[in-house]
Amino acid sequence: AITVTSNSVTDDIFVAKIDTSGDWVWVTSAGGTTNADEGKAVSAMPDGSAIVTGYFTGGAIFGATTLTSTGTRDGFVAKFVDTPQAPAAPQVVAGDGLVTATITPLGGGSVTTYTVLASPGGNTCTVTAPATSCTITGLTNGTAYTFTVTATNAAGTSPVSAASAPVTPSAAAAVAAATVAKANNIRLTVLPS
């Protein structure tokens, strides 16, 4: 059950997210503590966020942001961001003591960073959007690793992805990945399977 208490003695603003099964995911309030506030329109965005417009009088609180009215009624446009969904498992290529991980960006553009985690060992690398890959170093050659990824935006961090297929860093993997054939000015990089 979700419970929300009004901040105001008169009207207040509430925004809720309900999943496709009709279950409440979250609800939040916004607005001031003493004056009437009103949400006038809401739009659900592809990235799971919601854009809300309306007006407030006096002062209004939107998450960590407090606004002060400069007139009788001031308009607002607020974006309510949900934490990202779990990303797909990263694609990984082994090298000599390292792995290069490539993530599939989530739609909508609200994700700012992706964190890739090696198991065992806990080594990480960070992908800052819009980039899509990073390299995890300090891995032990001959040890099999799997990798997971999380996505982070202004609202928080996603659940962990499924694990990647296991890969084993080695000096031979680095040589195979670096083998480059040159013919007719076309470069071909051969990666290990």
Protein backbone atom coordinates (compact mmCIF):
# COMPACT_ATOMS: atom_id res chain seq x y z
CA ALA A 1 0.00 0.00 0.00
CA ILE A 2 1.17 3.51 -0.79
CA THR A 3 0.23 6.43 1.45
CA VAL A 4 0.72 10.09 0.56
CA THR A 5 0.02 13.03 2.81
CA SER A 6 -0.85 16.47 1.47
CA ASN A 7 1.61 19.29 2.15
CA SER A 8 -1.13 21.91 1.99
CA VAL A 9 -4.20 22.98 3.91
CA THR A 10 -6.00 23.53 0.59
CA ASP A 11 -5.10 22.02 -2.80
CA ASP A 12 -1.96 20.02 -3.57
CA ILE A 13 -0.31 18.22 -6.49
CA PHE A 14 0.11 14.46 -6.67
CA VAL A 15 1.84 12.47 -9.39
CA ALA A 16 1.70 8.66 -9.49
CA LYS A 17 3.12 5.88 -11.62
CA ILE A 18 0.96 2.82 -12.18
CA ASP A 19 2.30 -0.23 -14.02
CA THR A 20 0.55 -2.08 -16.86
CA SER A 21 -1.05 -4.45 -14.32
CA GLY A 22 -2.70 -1.52 -12.54
CA ASP A 23 -0.40 -1.75 -9.51
CA TRP A 24 0.93 1.44 -7.91
CA VAL A 25 4.70 1.82 -8.47
CA TRP A 26 5.16 5.17 -6.71
CA VAL A 27 3.34 8.38 -5.85
CA THR A 28 4.73 11.75 -4.80
CA SER A 29 3.34 15.11 -3.83
CA ALA A 30 4.52 18.55 -4.86
CA GLY A 31 3.53 22.11 -4.12
CA GLY A 32 3.45 24.43 -1.14
CA THR A 33 2.36 24.11 2.47
CA THR A 34 -0.16 26.89 2.82
CA ASN A 35 -1.56 27.90 -0.56
CA ALA A 36 -3.48 26.32 -3.40
CA ASP A 37 -1.41 24.46 -5.99
CA GLU A 38 -2.77 22.80 -9.08
CA GLY A 39 -1.44 20.36 -11.65
CA LYS A 40 -3.05 21.13 -15.00
CA ALA A 41 -1.56 18.55 -17.40
CA VAL A 42 0.67 15.49 -17.35
CA SER A 43 2.51 13.68 -20.12
CA ALA A 44 4.14 10.25 -19.83
CA MET A 45 7.52 10.20 -21.59
CA PRO A 46 9.17 7.22 -23.36
CA ASP A 47 11.94 7.07 -20.72
CA GLY A 48 9.37 6.48 -17.94
CA SER A 49 9.43 10.04 -16.64
CA ALA A 50 6.42 12.34 -16.39
CA ILE A 51 6.18 16.02 -17.35
CA VAL A 52 3.66 17.95 -15.24
CA THR A 53 2.50 21.55 -15.71
CA GLY A 54 0.39 23.71 -13.45
CA TYR A 55 0.55 26.66 -11.11
CA PHE A 56 1.40 27.44 -7.50
CA THR A 57 1.04 30.41 -5.15
CA GLY A 58 3.42 31.44 -2.39
CA GLY A 59 6.03 28.67 -2.49
CA ALA A 60 6.23 25.16 -3.82
CA ILE A 61 8.48 22.16 -3.21
CA PHE A 62 9.39 19.79 -6.07
CA GLY A 63 11.69 17.10 -4.68
CA ALA A 64 14.87 18.92 -3.59
CA THR A 65 13.90 22.17 -5.36
CA THR A 66 11.93 24.94 -3.64
CA LEU A 67 10.33 27.67 -5.76
CA THR A 68 9.07 31.04 -4.51
CA SER A 69 6.18 32.75 -6.25
CA THR A 70 6.79 36.22 -7.67
CA GLY A 71 3.14 36.94 -8.30
CA THR A 72 -0.35 35.76 -7.50
CA ARG A 73 0.01 32.55 -9.49
CA ASP A 74 3.20 31.24 -11.03
CA GLY A 75 3.30 28.48 -13.59
CA PHE A 76 5.65 25.51 -13.48
CA VAL A 77 6.85 22.68 -15.65
CA ALA A 78 8.30 19.79 -13.64
CA LYS A 79 9.86 16.52 -14.73
CA PHE A 80 9.40 13.52 -12.44
CA VAL A 81 12.03 10.89 -13.20
CA ASP A 82 11.76 7.20 -12.37
CA THR A 83 14.83 5.02 -11.79
CA PRO A 84 15.92 3.22 -14.97
CA GLN A 85 14.94 -0.34 -15.81
CA ALA A 86 17.64 -3.02 -15.75
CA PRO A 87 19.85 -2.81 -18.85
CA ALA A 88 20.66 -5.77 -21.09
CA ALA A 89 23.74 -7.82 -20.20
CA PRO A 90 26.92 -6.18 -21.53
CA GLN A 91 28.78 -7.58 -24.53
CA VAL A 92 32.38 -8.30 -23.54
CA VAL A 93 35.71 -8.97 -25.32
CA ALA A 94 38.73 -10.26 -23.37
CA GLY A 95 42.27 -8.92 -23.67
CA ASP A 96 45.50 -9.25 -21.71
CA GLY A 97 44.41 -8.69 -18.09
CA LEU A 98 41.40 -6.67 -19.20
CA VAL A 99 37.94 -6.81 -20.76
CA THR A 100 36.23 -4.23 -22.96
CA ALA A 101 32.50 -4.05 -22.19
CA THR A 102 29.90 -2.59 -24.54
CA ILE A 103 26.46 -1.67 -23.22
CA THR A 104 23.17 -1.25 -25.06
CA PRO A 105 21.82 2.19 -24.06
CA LEU A 106 18.31 2.34 -22.63
CA GLY A 107 15.82 4.44 -24.59
CA GLY A 108 14.69 7.87 -23.51
CA GLY A 109 18.02 9.50 -22.78
CA SER A 110 17.64 10.07 -19.03
CA VAL A 111 20.49 7.68 -18.08
CA THR A 112 23.72 9.54 -17.29
CA THR A 113 26.06 6.63 -16.47
CA TYR A 114 26.31 2.86 -16.70
CA THR A 115 28.51 0.89 -14.28
CA VAL A 116 29.92 -2.46 -15.41
CA LEU A 117 30.96 -4.91 -12.66
CA ALA A 118 33.29 -7.92 -13.02
CA SER A 119 32.68 -11.13 -11.10
CA PRO A 120 34.74 -12.41 -9.40
CA GLY A 121 36.84 -9.55 -8.12
CA GLY A 122 34.45 -6.60 -8.20
CA ASN A 123 36.50 -4.50 -10.66
CA THR A 124 34.37 -1.85 -12.38
CA CYS A 125 34.37 0.66 -15.19
CA THR A 126 31.95 3.49 -15.92
CA VAL A 127 30.34 4.43 -19.22
CA THR A 128 29.23 8.07 -19.33
CA ALA A 129 26.37 8.56 -21.79
CA PRO A 130 26.38 8.91 -24.78
CA ALA A 131 29.48 6.62 -24.88
CA THR A 132 28.73 2.88 -25.04
CA SER A 133 31.90 1.10 -23.91
CA CYS A 134 34.57 1.02 -21.22
CA THR A 135 37.52 -1.16 -20.24
CA ILE A 136 37.93 -3.03 -16.97
CA THR A 137 41.59 -3.51 -16.12
CA GLY A 138 43.41 -5.40 -13.38
CA LEU A 139 41.85 -8.76 -14.26
CA THR A 140 43.75 -12.04 -13.83
CA ASN A 141 44.68 -13.88 -17.03
CA GLY A 142 43.30 -17.43 -17.02
CA THR A 143 40.35 -16.57 -14.74
CA ALA A 144 36.83 -16.71 -16.19
CA TYR A 145 34.74 -13.59 -15.52
CA THR A 146 31.13 -12.57 -16.04
CA PHE A 147 29.93 -8.98 -16.12
CA THR A 148 26.76 -7.14 -15.12
CA VAL A 149 25.70 -3.53 -15.63
CA THR A 150 23.51 -0.98 -13.84
CA ALA A 151 22.12 2.30 -15.22
CA THR A 152 21.95 5.52 -13.18
CA ASN A 153 19.93 8.70 -13.69
CA ALA A 154 18.84 11.62 -11.49
CA ALA A 155 16.33 9.42 -9.65
CA GLY A 156 18.65 6.53 -8.77
CA THR A 157 20.17 3.28 -9.98
CA SER A 158 18.50 0.44 -11.88
CA PRO A 159 18.36 -3.18 -10.87
CA VAL A 160 21.38 -5.23 -11.99
CA SER A 161 21.34 -6.70 -15.51
CA ALA A 162 21.64 -10.38 -16.30
CA ALA A 163 25.24 -11.57 -16.41
CA SER A 164 27.24 -11.63 -19.63
CA ALA A 165 28.61 -14.81 -21.12
CA PRO A 166 31.85 -15.72 -19.34
CA VAL A 167 35.16 -14.63 -20.90
CA THR A 168 38.75 -15.35 -19.86
CA PRO A 169 41.44 -12.68 -20.21
CA SER A 170 44.79 -13.92 -21.58
CA ALA A 171 47.85 -12.71 -23.46
CA ALA A 172 46.67 -14.84 -26.42
CA ALA A 173 43.28 -13.07 -26.40
CA ALA A 174 45.07 -9.72 -26.62
CA VAL A 175 47.17 -10.89 -29.59
CA ALA A 176 44.08 -12.26 -31.39
CA ALA A 177 42.17 -9.02 -30.81
CA ALA A 178 45.08 -6.95 -32.07
CA THR A 179 45.65 -8.94 -35.27
CA VAL A 180 44.94 -6.52 -38.06
CA ALA A 181 44.92 -7.42 -41.74
CA LYS A 182 45.38 -4.63 -44.25
CA ALA A 183 44.24 -5.07 -47.86
CA ASN A 184 43.10 -2.44 -50.31
CA ASN A 185 43.17 0.19 -47.52
CA ILE A 186 40.54 -1.74 -45.53
CA ARG A 187 41.32 -2.53 -41.91
CA LEU A 188 39.94 -5.72 -40.43
CA THR A 189 40.22 -6.43 -36.72
CA VAL A 190 39.94 -10.10 -35.82
CA LEU A 191 38.42 -10.68 -32.39
CA PRO A 192 38.51 -13.98 -30.46
CA SER A 193 35.30 -15.98 -30.46
